[in-house]
């Protein structure tokens, strides 16, 4: 963002174009470190708020905040899917189990979602 502002000041004629790019750059920066599972989020939250949060509670809170929703997969089981709001905090990866024949989507979250969840659990 700072680089965009600097270029905007140096090359005024590019200001409007660069201003329109700022939301995309901010979104990319937010998702730069998208590597937390709900279990890891629950562990970090537990430390920060001083009470145990389970990965199930973390998933339910992410759902309640409108960041993900539960859907049924083709195998009759359920899985989590990102909502439009959740796409600013997470990415979906294909994953498979080394212990069974399971494969499907896995959502990995950015650290930024922890602050939202902390507010949720502390109110």
C-alpha atoms as a PDB file:
ATOM      1  CA  UNK A   1       0.000   0.000   0.000  1.00  0.00           C
ATOM      2  CA  UNK A   2       2.785   2.392   0.846  1.00  0.00           C
ATOM      3  CA  UNK A   3       4.407   1.703  -2.525  1.00  0.00           C
ATOM      4  CA  UNK A   4       1.121   2.404  -4.306  1.00  0.00           C
ATOM      5  CA  UNK A   5       0.799   5.713  -2.446  1.00  0.00           C
ATOM      6  CA  UNK A   6       4.369   6.676  -3.341  1.00  0.00           C
ATOM      7  CA  UNK A   7       3.878   5.883  -7.027  1.00  0.00           C
ATOM      8  CA  UNK A   8       0.582   7.816  -6.978  1.00  0.00           C
ATOM      9  CA  UNK A   9       2.360  10.885  -5.653  1.00  0.00           C
ATOM     10  CA  UNK A  10       5.213  10.589  -8.170  1.00  0.00           C
ATOM     11  CA  UNK A  11       2.993   9.854 -11.160  1.00  0.00           C
ATOM     12  CA  UNK A  12      -0.212  11.777 -10.547  1.00  0.00           C
ATOM     13  CA  UNK A  13      -1.681  10.679 -13.893  1.00  0.00           C
ATOM     14  CA  UNK A  14      -1.756   7.071 -12.610  1.00  0.00           C
ATOM     15  CA  UNK A  15      -3.496   8.005  -9.349  1.00  0.00           C
ATOM     16  CA  UNK A  16      -7.045   6.934 -10.300  1.00  0.00           C
ATOM     17  CA  UNK A  17      -5.859   3.613 -11.729  1.00  0.00           C
ATOM     18  CA  UNK A  18      -3.711   2.854  -8.679  1.00  0.00           C
ATOM     19  CA  UNK A  19      -6.520   3.846  -6.306  1.00  0.00           C
ATOM     20  CA  UNK A  20      -8.766   1.239  -7.921  1.00  0.00           C
ATOM     21  CA  UNK A  21      -6.065  -1.399  -7.322  1.00  0.00           C
ATOM     22  CA  UNK A  22      -5.815  -0.722  -3.562  1.00  0.00           C
ATOM     23  CA  UNK A  23      -8.687  -3.004  -2.473  1.00  0.00           C
ATOM     24  CA  UNK A  24      -7.191  -5.911  -4.407  1.00  0.00           C
ATOM     25  CA  UNK A  25      -3.738  -5.299  -2.940  1.00  0.00           C
ATOM     26  CA  UNK A  26      -5.195  -5.092   0.575  1.00  0.00           C
ATOM     27  CA  UNK A  27      -7.087  -8.350   0.016  1.00  0.00           C
ATOM     28  CA  UNK A  28      -3.926 -10.081  -1.218  1.00  0.00           C
ATOM     29  CA  UNK A  29      -1.961  -8.848   1.798  1.00  0.00           C
ATOM     30  CA  UNK A  30      -4.609 -10.143   4.170  1.00  0.00           C
ATOM     31  CA  UNK A  31      -4.385 -13.589   2.602  1.00  0.00           C
ATOM     32  CA  UNK A  32      -0.589 -13.667   2.479  1.00  0.00           C
ATOM     33  CA  UNK A  33      -0.373 -16.071   5.452  1.00  0.00           C
ATOM     34  CA  UNK A  34      -3.356 -18.352   5.098  1.00  0.00           C
ATOM     35  CA  UNK A  35      -2.318 -21.448   6.929  1.00  0.00           C
ATOM     36  CA  UNK A  36      -4.366 -21.931  10.094  1.00  0.00           C
ATOM     37  CA  UNK A  37      -6.758 -24.810  10.578  1.00  0.00           C
ATOM     38  CA  UNK A  38      -9.716 -24.440  12.956  1.00  0.00           C
ATOM     39  CA  UNK A  39      -7.791 -26.560  15.480  1.00  0.00           C
ATOM     40  CA  UNK A  40      -4.867 -24.121  15.378  1.00  0.00           C
ATOM     41  CA  UNK A  41      -7.257 -21.161  15.583  1.00  0.00           C
ATOM     42  CA  UNK A  42      -8.925 -22.717  18.631  1.00  0.00           C
ATOM     43  CA  UNK A  43      -5.549 -23.187  20.311  1.00  0.00           C
ATOM     44  CA  UNK A  44      -4.503 -19.564  19.697  1.00  0.00           C
ATOM     45  CA  UNK A  45      -7.899 -18.275  20.836  1.00  0.00           C
ATOM     46  CA  UNK A  46      -7.748 -20.363  23.991  1.00  0.00           C
ATOM     47  CA  UNK A  47      -4.413 -18.796  24.900  1.00  0.00           C
ATOM     48  CA  UNK A  48      -5.598 -15.269  24.151  1.00  0.00           C
ATOM     49  CA  UNK A  49      -8.929 -15.312  25.964  1.00  0.00           C
ATOM     50  CA  UNK A  50      -7.934 -17.538  28.847  1.00  0.00           C
ATOM     51  CA  UNK A  51     -10.458 -20.341  28.376  1.00  0.00           C
ATOM     52  CA  UNK A  52     -10.494 -23.480  26.289  1.00  0.00           C
ATOM     53  CA  UNK A  53     -12.054 -23.179  22.844  1.00  0.00           C
ATOM     54  CA  UNK A  54     -12.523 -26.383  20.845  1.00  0.00           C
ATOM     55  CA  UNK A  55     -12.109 -26.625  17.084  1.00  0.00           C
ATOM     56  CA  UNK A  56     -15.835 -27.378  16.927  1.00  0.00           C
ATOM     57  CA  UNK A  57     -16.621 -24.106  18.733  1.00  0.00           C
ATOM     58  CA  UNK A  58     -14.249 -22.261  16.388  1.00  0.00           C
ATOM     59  CA  UNK A  59     -16.008 -23.752  13.331  1.00  0.00           C
ATOM     60  CA  UNK A  60     -19.434 -22.902  14.747  1.00  0.00           C
ATOM     61  CA  UNK A  61     -18.342 -19.322  15.446  1.00  0.00           C
ATOM     62  CA  UNK A  62     -16.953 -18.990  11.902  1.00  0.00           C
ATOM     63  CA  UNK A  63     -20.339 -20.159  10.661  1.00  0.00           C
ATOM     64  CA  UNK A  64     -22.259 -17.804  12.962  1.00  0.00           C
ATOM     65  CA  UNK A  65     -20.137 -14.882  11.750  1.00  0.00           C
ATOM     66  CA  UNK A  66     -21.128 -15.778   8.179  1.00  0.00           C
ATOM     67  CA  UNK A  67     -17.633 -16.775   7.054  1.00  0.00           C
ATOM     68  CA  UNK A  68     -18.406 -20.397   6.246  1.00  0.00           C
ATOM     69  CA  UNK A  69     -21.394 -22.683   5.889  1.00  0.00           C
ATOM     70  CA  UNK A  70     -21.956 -26.380   6.206  1.00  0.00           C
ATOM     71  CA  UNK A  71     -22.903 -28.258   3.030  1.00  0.00           C
ATOM     72  CA  UNK A  72     -23.536 -31.912   2.233  1.00  0.00           C
ATOM     73  CA  UNK A  73     -20.989 -33.543  -0.041  1.00  0.00           C
ATOM     74  CA  UNK A  74     -21.718 -36.120  -2.713  1.00  0.00           C
ATOM     75  CA  UNK A  75     -20.838 -38.924  -0.263  1.00  0.00           C
ATOM     76  CA  UNK A  76     -23.641 -37.907   2.064  1.00  0.00           C
ATOM     77  CA  UNK A  77     -21.275 -36.371   4.585  1.00  0.00           C
ATOM     78  CA  UNK A  78     -20.951 -32.678   5.311  1.00  0.00           C
ATOM     79  CA  UNK A  79     -18.100 -30.278   4.802  1.00  0.00           C
ATOM     80  CA  UNK A  80     -17.428 -26.575   5.265  1.00  0.00           C
ATOM     81  CA  UNK A  81     -17.656 -24.114   2.384  1.00  0.00           C
ATOM     82  CA  UNK A  82     -16.454 -20.517   2.374  1.00  0.00           C
ATOM     83  CA  UNK A  83     -19.040 -17.782   2.016  1.00  0.00           C
ATOM     84  CA  UNK A  84     -18.321 -14.579   0.102  1.00  0.00           C
ATOM     85  CA  UNK A  85     -17.464 -12.921   3.427  1.00  0.00           C
ATOM     86  CA  UNK A  86     -15.120 -15.741   4.338  1.00  0.00           C
ATOM     87  CA  UNK A  87     -13.105 -15.378   1.142  1.00  0.00           C
ATOM     88  CA  UNK A  88     -11.366 -12.331   2.569  1.00  0.00           C
ATOM     89  CA  UNK A  89     -10.010 -14.429   5.456  1.00  0.00           C
ATOM     90  CA  UNK A  90      -9.402 -17.878   3.992  1.00  0.00           C
ATOM     91  CA  UNK A  91      -8.655 -20.086   1.023  1.00  0.00           C
ATOM     92  CA  UNK A  92      -9.846 -23.560   0.129  1.00  0.00           C
ATOM     93  CA  UNK A  93      -7.377 -26.328  -0.638  1.00  0.00           C
ATOM     94  CA  UNK A  94      -7.885 -29.881  -1.843  1.00  0.00           C
ATOM     95  CA  UNK A  95      -6.739 -32.306   0.817  1.00  0.00           C
ATOM     96  CA  UNK A  96      -6.653 -36.061   1.291  1.00  0.00           C
ATOM     97  CA  UNK A  97      -6.066 -38.311   4.233  1.00  0.00           C
ATOM     98  CA  UNK A  98      -3.049 -40.554   4.526  1.00  0.00           C
ATOM     99  CA  UNK A  99      -5.008 -42.799   6.924  1.00  0.00           C
ATOM    100  CA  UNK A 100      -8.227 -43.334   4.961  1.00  0.00           C
ATOM    101  CA  UNK A 101      -9.762 -42.818   1.548  1.00  0.00           C
ATOM    102  CA  UNK A 102     -11.080 -39.352   2.479  1.00  0.00           C
ATOM    103  CA  UNK A 103     -10.415 -36.400   0.215  1.00  0.00           C
ATOM    104  CA  UNK A 104     -12.119 -33.047  -0.021  1.00  0.00           C
ATOM    105  CA  UNK A 105     -11.869 -29.351   0.656  1.00  0.00           C
ATOM    106  CA  UNK A 106      -9.874 -27.964   3.542  1.00  0.00           C
ATOM    107  CA  UNK A 107     -10.202 -24.337   4.562  1.00  0.00           C
ATOM    108  CA  UNK A 108      -7.100 -22.568   5.832  1.00  0.00           C
ATOM    109  CA  UNK A 109      -7.586 -19.254   7.631  1.00  0.00           C
ATOM    110  CA  UNK A 110      -5.490 -16.121   8.017  1.00  0.00           C
ATOM    111  CA  UNK A 111      -4.416 -14.812  11.412  1.00  0.00           C
ATOM    112  CA  UNK A 112      -6.779 -11.842  10.903  1.00  0.00           C
ATOM    113  CA  UNK A 113      -9.797 -14.050  11.627  1.00  0.00           C
ATOM    114  CA  UNK A 114      -8.598 -14.567  15.200  1.00  0.00           C
ATOM    115  CA  UNK A 115      -9.458 -10.973  16.140  1.00  0.00           C
ATOM    116  CA  UNK A 116     -13.006 -11.437  14.819  1.00  0.00           C
ATOM    117  CA  UNK A 117     -13.405 -14.651  16.760  1.00  0.00           C
ATOM    118  CA  UNK A 118     -11.949 -13.132  19.897  1.00  0.00           C
ATOM    119  CA  UNK A 119     -14.596 -10.396  19.778  1.00  0.00           C
ATOM    120  CA  UNK A 120     -17.255 -13.058  19.221  1.00  0.00           C
ATOM    121  CA  UNK A 121     -16.206 -15.116  22.231  1.00  0.00           C
ATOM    122  CA  UNK A 122     -15.671 -12.145  24.550  1.00  0.00           C
ATOM    123  CA  UNK A 123     -19.095 -10.547  23.960  1.00  0.00           C
END
